[in-house]
């Protein structure tokens, strides 16, 4: 690591710290953050986050259900084929 980079790292760290300390004040000025404090907005945010949490689980569950159903159908077809070609005693 060059000497110039070693000298610049502490400055960059201080600049990042100053930026992080300034961010909460900026976030408090956000109109969406302040509008969610009263009325039905909080309920709407809760329902929206619930919907966004359940949707991926439903998609993955549907895919697993389909794959299990398809595997069972293929296994049943293979069993039926094996029984139909089996020699009769």
C-alpha atoms as a PDB file:
ATOM      1  CA  UNK A   1       0.000   0.000   0.000  1.00  0.00           C
ATOM      2  CA  UNK A   2       1.488   3.343  -1.005  1.00  0.00           C
ATOM      3  CA  UNK A   3       2.126   6.163   1.414  1.00  0.00           C
ATOM      4  CA  UNK A   4      -0.447   8.393  -0.299  1.00  0.00           C
ATOM      5  CA  UNK A   5      -3.177   5.804   0.226  1.00  0.00           C
ATOM      6  CA  UNK A   6      -2.171   5.354   3.877  1.00  0.00           C
ATOM      7  CA  UNK A   7      -2.461   9.116   4.410  1.00  0.00           C
ATOM      8  CA  UNK A   8      -5.841   9.309   2.610  1.00  0.00           C
ATOM      9  CA  UNK A   9      -7.513   6.481   4.556  1.00  0.00           C
ATOM     10  CA  UNK A  10      -7.928   8.377   7.864  1.00  0.00           C
ATOM     11  CA  UNK A  11      -9.339  11.373   5.989  1.00  0.00           C
ATOM     12  CA  UNK A  12     -11.803   9.153   4.161  1.00  0.00           C
ATOM     13  CA  UNK A  13     -12.814   7.506   7.445  1.00  0.00           C
ATOM     14  CA  UNK A  14     -13.491  10.897   9.045  1.00  0.00           C
ATOM     15  CA  UNK A  15     -15.463  12.041   6.007  1.00  0.00           C
ATOM     16  CA  UNK A  16     -17.561   8.861   6.124  1.00  0.00           C
ATOM     17  CA  UNK A  17     -18.195   9.340   9.849  1.00  0.00           C
ATOM     18  CA  UNK A  18     -19.314  12.932   9.287  1.00  0.00           C
ATOM     19  CA  UNK A  19     -21.619  11.804   6.498  1.00  0.00           C
ATOM     20  CA  UNK A  20     -23.165   9.077   8.655  1.00  0.00           C
ATOM     21  CA  UNK A  21     -23.767  11.550  11.473  1.00  0.00           C
ATOM     22  CA  UNK A  22     -25.538  13.924   9.074  1.00  0.00           C
ATOM     23  CA  UNK A  23     -27.852  11.249   7.601  1.00  0.00           C
ATOM     24  CA  UNK A  24     -30.350  10.919  10.521  1.00  0.00           C
ATOM     25  CA  UNK A  25     -31.188  14.605  10.245  1.00  0.00           C
ATOM     26  CA  UNK A  26     -31.824  14.194   6.540  1.00  0.00           C
ATOM     27  CA  UNK A  27     -33.987  11.104   7.115  1.00  0.00           C
ATOM     28  CA  UNK A  28     -36.140  12.989   9.631  1.00  0.00           C
ATOM     29  CA  UNK A  29     -36.902  15.519   6.906  1.00  0.00           C
ATOM     30  CA  UNK A  30     -38.342  12.797   4.665  1.00  0.00           C
ATOM     31  CA  UNK A  31     -42.069  13.415   4.080  1.00  0.00           C
ATOM     32  CA  UNK A  32     -42.806   9.674   3.877  1.00  0.00           C
ATOM     33  CA  UNK A  33     -41.254   9.075   7.291  1.00  0.00           C
ATOM     34  CA  UNK A  34     -43.302  11.832   8.902  1.00  0.00           C
ATOM     35  CA  UNK A  35     -46.574  10.964   7.141  1.00  0.00           C
ATOM     36  CA  UNK A  36     -46.581   7.442   8.547  1.00  0.00           C
ATOM     37  CA  UNK A  37     -47.026   8.639  12.119  1.00  0.00           C
ATOM     38  CA  UNK A  38     -50.768   9.113  12.115  1.00  0.00           C
ATOM     39  CA  UNK A  39     -53.982   8.039  10.497  1.00  0.00           C
ATOM     40  CA  UNK A  40     -54.295   4.989   8.297  1.00  0.00           C
ATOM     41  CA  UNK A  41     -50.857   5.312   6.753  1.00  0.00           C
ATOM     42  CA  UNK A  42     -49.245   3.118   9.394  1.00  0.00           C
ATOM     43  CA  UNK A  43     -51.849   0.414   8.809  1.00  0.00           C
ATOM     44  CA  UNK A  44     -51.272   0.631   5.044  1.00  0.00           C
ATOM     45  CA  UNK A  45     -47.509   0.259   5.542  1.00  0.00           C
ATOM     46  CA  UNK A  46     -48.067  -2.779   7.788  1.00  0.00           C
ATOM     47  CA  UNK A  47     -50.395  -4.452   5.273  1.00  0.00           C
ATOM     48  CA  UNK A  48     -47.993  -3.681   2.436  1.00  0.00           C
ATOM     49  CA  UNK A  49     -45.024  -5.154   4.267  1.00  0.00           C
ATOM     50  CA  UNK A  50     -47.077  -8.226   5.175  1.00  0.00           C
ATOM     51  CA  UNK A  51     -48.000  -8.691   1.505  1.00  0.00           C
ATOM     52  CA  UNK A  52     -44.367  -8.272   0.447  1.00  0.00           C
ATOM     53  CA  UNK A  53     -43.293 -10.849   3.044  1.00  0.00           C
ATOM     54  CA  UNK A  54     -45.890 -13.475   2.120  1.00  0.00           C
ATOM     55  CA  UNK A  55     -45.555 -13.229  -1.675  1.00  0.00           C
ATOM     56  CA  UNK A  56     -42.096 -14.887  -1.985  1.00  0.00           C
ATOM     57  CA  UNK A  57     -43.157 -17.637   0.425  1.00  0.00           C
ATOM     58  CA  UNK A  58     -46.263 -18.322  -1.669  1.00  0.00           C
ATOM     59  CA  UNK A  59     -44.221 -18.475  -4.876  1.00  0.00           C
ATOM     60  CA  UNK A  60     -41.672 -20.870  -3.384  1.00  0.00           C
ATOM     61  CA  UNK A  61     -44.426 -22.994  -1.807  1.00  0.00           C
ATOM     62  CA  UNK A  62     -46.255 -23.209  -5.124  1.00  0.00           C
ATOM     63  CA  UNK A  63     -43.087 -24.295  -6.911  1.00  0.00           C
ATOM     64  CA  UNK A  64     -42.401 -27.002  -4.306  1.00  0.00           C
ATOM     65  CA  UNK A  65     -46.013 -28.219  -4.506  1.00  0.00           C
ATOM     66  CA  UNK A  66     -45.858 -28.409  -8.320  1.00  0.00           C
ATOM     67  CA  UNK A  67     -42.525 -30.247  -8.321  1.00  0.00           C
ATOM     68  CA  UNK A  68     -43.748 -32.803  -5.764  1.00  0.00           C
ATOM     69  CA  UNK A  69     -46.953 -33.368  -7.744  1.00  0.00           C
ATOM     70  CA  UNK A  70     -44.983 -33.778 -10.982  1.00  0.00           C
ATOM     71  CA  UNK A  71     -42.504 -36.201  -9.363  1.00  0.00           C
ATOM     72  CA  UNK A  72     -45.384 -38.274  -7.978  1.00  0.00           C
ATOM     73  CA  UNK A  73     -47.063 -38.417 -11.416  1.00  0.00           C
ATOM     74  CA  UNK A  74     -43.811 -39.494 -13.075  1.00  0.00           C
ATOM     75  CA  UNK A  75     -43.237 -42.162 -10.424  1.00  0.00           C
ATOM     76  CA  UNK A  76     -46.798 -43.487 -10.848  1.00  0.00           C
ATOM     77  CA  UNK A  77     -46.379 -43.587 -14.644  1.00  0.00           C
ATOM     78  CA  UNK A  78     -43.088 -45.452 -14.270  1.00  0.00           C
ATOM     79  CA  UNK A  79     -44.679 -47.941 -11.856  1.00  0.00           C
ATOM     80  CA  UNK A  80     -47.577 -48.527 -14.265  1.00  0.00           C
ATOM     81  CA  UNK A  81     -45.163 -49.035 -17.155  1.00  0.00           C
ATOM     82  CA  UNK A  82     -43.086 -51.492 -15.089  1.00  0.00           C
ATOM     83  CA  UNK A  83     -46.214 -53.478 -14.183  1.00  0.00           C
ATOM     84  CA  UNK A  84     -47.413 -53.595 -17.773  1.00  0.00           C
ATOM     85  CA  UNK A  85     -44.135 -55.007 -19.107  1.00  0.00           C
ATOM     86  CA  UNK A  86     -43.533 -57.436 -16.268  1.00  0.00           C
ATOM     87  CA  UNK A  87     -43.692 -61.078 -17.374  1.00  0.00           C
ATOM     88  CA  UNK A  88     -46.749 -62.955 -16.179  1.00  0.00           C
ATOM     89  CA  UNK A  89     -46.095 -65.994 -14.004  1.00  0.00           C
END
